[in-house]
C-alpha cells in the first residue's frame, strides 16, 4: 500500500557558513609571516635603510617582458 506524503516534511536547508581564510587555503602562519615581512619593510623604508636589489628587480622585469 502507498502511504501519504506529509506536506510538513522539512526541506533540506544547507547552513550558510561564513567564509574565512581556512577555506581559501591561507594558514595563520602564512598570514603572520607576511605581516612580519611587510612590517619589516615598512620600518626599513621609514628609517631610510631599505635598499632596492636592482639586479633582482631587473631580472623580474626582463622575465615579465618575455
PDB file of N, CA and C in Angstrom:
ATOM      1  N   UNK A   1       0.834  -1.171   0.000  1.00  0.00           N
ATOM      2  CA  UNK A   1       0.000   0.000   0.000  1.00  0.00           C
ATOM      3  C   UNK A   1       0.886   1.243   0.000  1.00  0.00           C
ATOM      4  N   UNK A   2       0.486   2.262  -0.687  1.00  0.00           N
ATOM      5  CA  UNK A   2       1.234   3.517  -0.766  1.00  0.00           C
ATOM      6  C   UNK A   2       0.755   4.443   0.344  1.00  0.00           C
ATOM      7  N   UNK A   3       1.716   4.980   1.097  1.00  0.00           N
ATOM      8  CA  UNK A   3       1.344   5.897   2.171  1.00  0.00           C
ATOM      9  C   UNK A   3       1.349   7.333   1.676  1.00  0.00           C
ATOM     10  N   UNK A   4       0.610   8.155   2.355  1.00  0.00           N
ATOM     11  CA  UNK A   4       0.551   9.572   2.004  1.00  0.00           C
ATOM     12  C   UNK A   4       1.827  10.274   2.454  1.00  0.00           C
ATOM     13  N   UNK A   5       2.265  11.223   1.639  1.00  0.00           N
ATOM     14  CA  UNK A   5       3.435  12.031   1.999  1.00  0.00           C
ATOM     15  C   UNK A   5       2.940  13.304   2.653  1.00  0.00           C
ATOM     16  N   UNK A   6       3.456  13.552   3.801  1.00  0.00           N
ATOM     17  CA  UNK A   6       3.038  14.736   4.538  1.00  0.00           C
ATOM     18  C   UNK A   6       3.635  15.989   3.916  1.00  0.00           C
ATOM     19  N   UNK A   7       2.857  17.032   3.828  1.00  0.00           N
ATOM     20  CA  UNK A   7       3.331  18.302   3.284  1.00  0.00           C
ATOM     21  C   UNK A   7       4.220  19.029   4.285  1.00  0.00           C
ATOM     22  N   UNK A   8       4.272  18.538   5.481  1.00  0.00           N
ATOM     23  CA  UNK A   8       5.051  19.190   6.522  1.00  0.00           C
ATOM     24  C   UNK A   8       6.442  18.598   6.664  1.00  0.00           C
ATOM     25  N   UNK A   9       6.841  17.795   5.704  1.00  0.00           N
ATOM     26  CA  UNK A   9       8.171  17.208   5.746  1.00  0.00           C
ATOM     27  C   UNK A   9       9.200  18.321   5.602  1.00  0.00           C
ATOM     28  N   UNK A  10      10.158  18.421   6.519  1.00  0.00           N
ATOM     29  CA  UNK A  10      11.130  19.519   6.431  1.00  0.00           C
ATOM     30  C   UNK A  10      12.010  19.383   5.191  1.00  0.00           C
ATOM     31  N   UNK A  11      12.241  20.491   4.544  1.00  0.00           N
ATOM     32  CA  UNK A  11      13.115  20.524   3.367  1.00  0.00           C
ATOM     33  C   UNK A  11      14.561  20.599   3.828  1.00  0.00           C
ATOM     34  N   UNK A  12      15.464  20.115   2.983  1.00  0.00           N
ATOM     35  CA  UNK A  12      16.887  20.176   3.304  1.00  0.00           C
ATOM     36  C   UNK A  12      17.360  21.611   3.132  1.00  0.00           C
ATOM     37  N   UNK A  13      17.924  22.154   4.162  1.00  0.00           N
ATOM     38  CA  UNK A  13      18.446  23.515   4.114  1.00  0.00           C
ATOM     39  C   UNK A  13      19.915  23.458   4.479  1.00  0.00           C
ATOM     40  N   UNK A  14      20.745  23.966   3.590  1.00  0.00           N
ATOM     41  CA  UNK A  14      22.183  23.988   3.849  1.00  0.00           C
ATOM     42  C   UNK A  14      22.508  25.250   4.630  1.00  0.00           C
ATOM     43  N   UNK A  15      23.219  25.071   5.716  1.00  0.00           N
ATOM     44  CA  UNK A  15      23.601  26.221   6.527  1.00  0.00           C
ATOM     45  C   UNK A  15      24.631  27.052   5.788  1.00  0.00           C
ATOM     46  N   UNK A  16      24.464  28.352   5.886  1.00  0.00           N
ATOM     47  CA  UNK A  16      25.442  29.258   5.292  1.00  0.00           C
ATOM     48  C   UNK A  16      26.609  29.391   6.253  1.00  0.00           C
ATOM     49  N   UNK A  17      27.757  28.976   5.820  1.00  0.00           N
ATOM     50  CA  UNK A  17      28.951  29.043   6.650  1.00  0.00           C
ATOM     51  C   UNK A  17      29.755  30.261   6.209  1.00  0.00           C
ATOM     52  N   UNK A  18      30.085  31.145   7.122  1.00  0.00           N
ATOM     53  CA  UNK A  18      30.861  32.317   6.729  1.00  0.00           C
ATOM     54  C   UNK A  18      32.222  31.912   6.166  1.00  0.00           C
ATOM     55  N   UNK A  19      32.603  32.585   5.109  1.00  0.00           N
ATOM     56  CA  UNK A  19      33.896  32.274   4.502  1.00  0.00           C
ATOM     57  C   UNK A  19      35.007  32.838   5.373  1.00  0.00           C
ATOM     58  N   UNK A  20      36.041  32.075   5.490  1.00  0.00           N
ATOM     59  CA  UNK A  20      37.197  32.534   6.235  1.00  0.00           C
ATOM     60  C   UNK A  20      38.447  32.178   5.451  1.00  0.00           C
ATOM     61  N   UNK A  21      39.583  32.494   5.992  1.00  0.00           N
ATOM     62  CA  UNK A  21      40.840  32.232   5.305  1.00  0.00           C
ATOM     63  C   UNK A  21      41.143  30.749   5.197  1.00  0.00           C
ATOM     64  N   UNK A  22      40.588  29.931   6.093  1.00  0.00           N
ATOM     65  CA  UNK A  22      40.826  28.493   6.034  1.00  0.00           C
ATOM     66  C   UNK A  22      40.276  27.909   4.737  1.00  0.00           C
ATOM     67  N   UNK A  23      39.118  28.421   4.303  1.00  0.00           N
ATOM     68  CA  UNK A  23      38.530  27.899   3.072  1.00  0.00           C
ATOM     69  C   UNK A  23      39.335  28.320   1.848  1.00  0.00           C
ATOM     70  N   UNK A  24      40.136  29.334   1.987  1.00  0.00           N
ATOM     71  CA  UNK A  24      40.970  29.817   0.890  1.00  0.00           C
ATOM     72  C   UNK A  24      42.351  29.174   0.904  1.00  0.00           C
ATOM     73  N   UNK A  25      42.645  28.394   1.915  1.00  0.00           N
ATOM     74  CA  UNK A  25      43.934  27.729   1.995  1.00  0.00           C
ATOM     75  C   UNK A  25      45.029  28.595   2.599  1.00  0.00           C
ATOM     76  N   UNK A  26      44.655  29.659   3.285  1.00  0.00           N
ATOM     77  CA  UNK A  26      45.642  30.540   3.912  1.00  0.00           C
ATOM     78  C   UNK A  26      45.720  30.191   5.384  1.00  0.00           C
ATOM     79  N   UNK A  27      46.884  29.848   5.833  1.00  0.00           N
ATOM     80  CA  UNK A  27      47.033  29.478   7.237  1.00  0.00           C
ATOM     81  C   UNK A  27      47.445  30.689   8.060  1.00  0.00           C
ATOM     82  N   UNK A  28      47.251  30.581   9.360  1.00  0.00           N
ATOM     83  CA  UNK A  28      47.631  31.669  10.267  1.00  0.00           C
ATOM     84  C   UNK A  28      49.132  31.934  10.197  1.00  0.00           C
ATOM     85  N   UNK A  29      49.930  30.889  10.057  1.00  0.00           N
ATOM     86  CA  UNK A  29      51.377  31.051   9.992  1.00  0.00           C
ATOM     87  C   UNK A  29      51.765  31.865   8.769  1.00  0.00           C
ATOM     88  N   UNK A  30      51.167  31.553   7.642  1.00  0.00           N
ATOM     89  CA  UNK A  30      51.486  32.278   6.416  1.00  0.00           C
ATOM     90  C   UNK A  30      51.094  33.746   6.550  1.00  0.00           C
ATOM     91  N   UNK A  31      49.933  34.021   7.139  1.00  0.00           N
ATOM     92  CA  UNK A  31      49.493  35.393   7.309  1.00  0.00           C
ATOM     93  C   UNK A  31      50.444  36.153   8.218  1.00  0.00           C
ATOM     94  N   UNK A  32      50.881  35.534   9.324  1.00  0.00           N
ATOM     95  CA  UNK A  32      51.754  36.229  10.261  1.00  0.00           C
ATOM     96  C   UNK A  32      53.125  36.484   9.645  1.00  0.00           C
ATOM     97  N   UNK A  33      53.609  35.532   8.823  1.00  0.00           N
ATOM     98  CA  UNK A  33      54.894  35.744   8.157  1.00  0.00           C
ATOM     99  C   UNK A  33      54.808  36.898   7.168  1.00  0.00           C
ATOM    100  N   UNK A  34      53.690  37.004   6.448  1.00  0.00           N
ATOM    101  CA  UNK A  34      53.514  38.095   5.505  1.00  0.00           C
ATOM    102  C   UNK A  34      53.439  39.430   6.234  1.00  0.00           C
ATOM    103  N   UNK A  35      52.757  39.456   7.382  1.00  0.00           N
ATOM    104  CA  UNK A  35      52.661  40.684   8.155  1.00  0.00           C
ATOM    105  C   UNK A  35      54.023  41.082   8.710  1.00  0.00           C
ATOM    106  N   UNK A  36      54.804  40.100   9.172  1.00  0.00           N
ATOM    107  CA  UNK A  36      56.136  40.388   9.689  1.00  0.00           C
ATOM    108  C   UNK A  36      57.015  40.969   8.585  1.00  0.00           C
ATOM    109  N   UNK A  37      56.950  40.390   7.391  1.00  0.00           N
ATOM    110  CA  UNK A  37      57.755  40.859   6.280  1.00  0.00           C
ATOM    111  C   UNK A  37      57.337  42.280   5.886  1.00  0.00           C
ATOM    112  N   UNK A  38      56.025  42.506   5.841  1.00  0.00           N
ATOM    113  CA  UNK A  38      55.531  43.833   5.474  1.00  0.00           C
ATOM    114  C   UNK A  38      55.921  44.879   6.517  1.00  0.00           C
ATOM    115  N   UNK A  39      55.808  44.525   7.788  1.00  0.00           N
ATOM    116  CA  UNK A  39      56.162  45.491   8.830  1.00  0.00           C
ATOM    117  C   UNK A  39      57.668  45.766   8.831  1.00  0.00           C
ATOM    118  N   UNK A  40      58.466  44.756   8.537  1.00  0.00           N
ATOM    119  CA  UNK A  40      59.919  44.949   8.450  1.00  0.00           C
ATOM    120  C   UNK A  40      60.253  45.895   7.308  1.00  0.00           C
ATOM    121  N   UNK A  41      59.626  45.673   6.149  1.00  0.00           N
ATOM    122  CA  UNK A  41      59.875  46.563   5.005  1.00  0.00           C
ATOM    123  C   UNK A  41      59.416  47.981   5.297  1.00  0.00           C
ATOM    124  N   UNK A  42      58.271  48.105   5.954  1.00  0.00           N
ATOM    125  CA  UNK A  42      57.742  49.431   6.300  1.00  0.00           C
ATOM    126  C   UNK A  42      58.713  50.185   7.208  1.00  0.00           C
ATOM    127  N   UNK A  43      59.263  49.481   8.185  1.00  0.00           N
ATOM    128  CA  UNK A  43      60.232  50.098   9.098  1.00  0.00           C
ATOM    129  C   UNK A  43      61.498  50.523   8.350  1.00  0.00           C
ATOM    130  N   UNK A  44      61.985  49.633   7.453  1.00  0.00           N
ATOM    131  CA  UNK A  44      63.193  49.948   6.693  1.00  0.00           C
ATOM    132  C   UNK A  44      62.984  51.174   5.806  1.00  0.00           C
ATOM    133  N   UNK A  45      61.833  51.266   5.178  1.00  0.00           N
ATOM    134  CA  UNK A  45      61.539  52.419   4.317  1.00  0.00           C
ATOM    135  C   UNK A  45      61.452  53.682   5.162  1.00  0.00           C
ATOM    136  N   UNK A  46      60.784  53.602   6.309  1.00  0.00           N
ATOM    137  CA  UNK A  46      60.651  54.762   7.194  1.00  0.00           C
ATOM    138  C   UNK A  46      62.008  55.227   7.725  1.00  0.00           C
ATOM    139  N   UNK A  47      62.904  54.270   8.007  1.00  0.00           N
ATOM    140  CA  UNK A  47      64.228  54.614   8.538  1.00  0.00           C
ATOM    141  C   UNK A  47      65.213  55.032   7.455  1.00  0.00           C
ATOM    142  N   UNK A  48      64.850  54.770   6.196  1.00  0.00           N
ATOM    143  CA  UNK A  48      65.757  55.090   5.098  1.00  0.00           C
ATOM    144  C   UNK A  48      66.832  54.035   4.901  1.00  0.00           C
ATOM    145  N   UNK A  49      66.646  52.856   5.477  1.00  0.00           N
ATOM    146  CA  UNK A  49      67.649  51.804   5.357  1.00  0.00           C
ATOM    147  C   UNK A  49      67.299  50.771   4.287  1.00  0.00           C
ATOM    148  N   UNK A  50      66.140  50.909   3.649  1.00  0.00           N
ATOM    149  CA  UNK A  50      65.728  49.953   2.620  1.00  0.00           C
ATOM    150  C   UNK A  50      66.507  50.203   1.341  1.00  0.00           C
ATOM    151  N   UNK A  51      67.090  49.142   0.806  1.00  0.00           N
ATOM    152  CA  UNK A  51      67.812  49.268  -0.463  1.00  0.00           C
ATOM    153  C   UNK A  51      67.173  48.338  -1.483  1.00  0.00           C
ATOM    154  N   UNK A  52      67.046  48.843  -2.700  1.00  0.00           N
ATOM    155  CA  UNK A  52      66.448  48.067  -3.773  1.00  0.00           C
ATOM    156  C   UNK A  52      67.522  47.183  -4.388  1.00  0.00           C
ATOM    157  N   UNK A  53      67.216  45.909  -4.561  1.00  0.00           N
ATOM    158  CA  UNK A  53      68.119  44.986  -5.228  1.00  0.00           C
ATOM    159  C   UNK A  53      67.899  45.174  -6.727  1.00  0.00           C
ATOM    160  N   UNK A  54      68.702  46.022  -7.347  1.00  0.00           N
ATOM    161  CA  UNK A  54      68.498  46.365  -8.755  1.00  0.00           C
ATOM    162  C   UNK A  54      68.674  45.169  -9.678  1.00  0.00           C
ATOM    163  N   UNK A  55      69.558  44.278  -9.341  1.00  0.00           N
ATOM    164  CA  UNK A  55      69.763  43.096 -10.166  1.00  0.00           C
ATOM    165  C   UNK A  55      68.522  42.203 -10.163  1.00  0.00           C
ATOM    166  N   UNK A  56      67.986  41.966  -8.999  1.00  0.00           N
ATOM    167  CA  UNK A  56      66.796  41.133  -8.868  1.00  0.00           C
ATOM    168  C   UNK A  56      65.584  41.813  -9.525  1.00  0.00           C
ATOM    169  N   UNK A  57      65.471  43.120  -9.368  1.00  0.00           N
ATOM    170  CA  UNK A  57      64.373  43.861  -9.977  1.00  0.00           C
ATOM    171  C   UNK A  57      64.470  43.823 -11.493  1.00  0.00           C
ATOM    172  N   UNK A  58      65.660  44.012 -12.023  1.00  0.00           N
ATOM    173  CA  UNK A  58      65.854  43.974 -13.473  1.00  0.00           C
ATOM    174  C   UNK A  58      65.539  42.589 -14.025  1.00  0.00           C
ATOM    175  N   UNK A  59      65.934  41.550 -13.309  1.00  0.00           N
ATOM    176  CA  UNK A  59      65.644  40.188 -13.732  1.00  0.00           C
ATOM    177  C   UNK A  59      64.137  39.942 -13.791  1.00  0.00           C
ATOM    178  N   UNK A  60      63.412  40.407 -12.789  1.00  0.00           N
ATOM    179  CA  UNK A  60      61.960  40.224 -12.743  1.00  0.00           C
ATOM    180  C   UNK A  60      61.275  40.982 -13.872  1.00  0.00           C
ATOM    181  N   UNK A  61      61.740  42.193 -14.160  1.00  0.00           N
ATOM    182  CA  UNK A  61      61.173  42.980 -15.260  1.00  0.00           C
ATOM    183  C   UNK A  61      61.442  42.288 -16.590  1.00  0.00           C
ATOM    184  N   UNK A  62      62.657  41.808 -16.788  1.00  0.00           N
ATOM    185  CA  UNK A  62      63.013  41.126 -18.022  1.00  0.00           C
ATOM    186  C   UNK A  62      62.170  39.865 -18.230  1.00  0.00           C
ATOM    187  N   UNK A  63      61.911  39.115 -17.166  1.00  0.00           N
ATOM    188  CA  UNK A  63      61.086  37.910 -17.260  1.00  0.00           C
ATOM    189  C   UNK A  63      59.655  38.241 -17.646  1.00  0.00           C
ATOM    190  N   UNK A  64      59.136  39.351 -17.162  1.00  0.00           N
ATOM    191  CA  UNK A  64      57.767  39.759 -17.479  1.00  0.00           C
ATOM    192  C   UNK A  64      57.650  40.211 -18.930  1.00  0.00           C
ATOM    193  N   UNK A  65      58.730  40.757 -19.492  1.00  0.00           N
ATOM    194  CA  UNK A  65      58.681  41.233 -20.872  1.00  0.00           C
ATOM    195  C   UNK A  65      58.673  40.101 -21.878  1.00  0.00           C
ATOM    196  N   UNK A  66      59.230  38.973 -21.503  1.00  0.00           N
ATOM    197  CA  UNK A  66      59.330  37.843 -22.451  1.00  0.00           C
ATOM    198  C   UNK A  66      58.379  36.800 -22.128  1.00  0.00           C
TER     199      UNK A  66
END
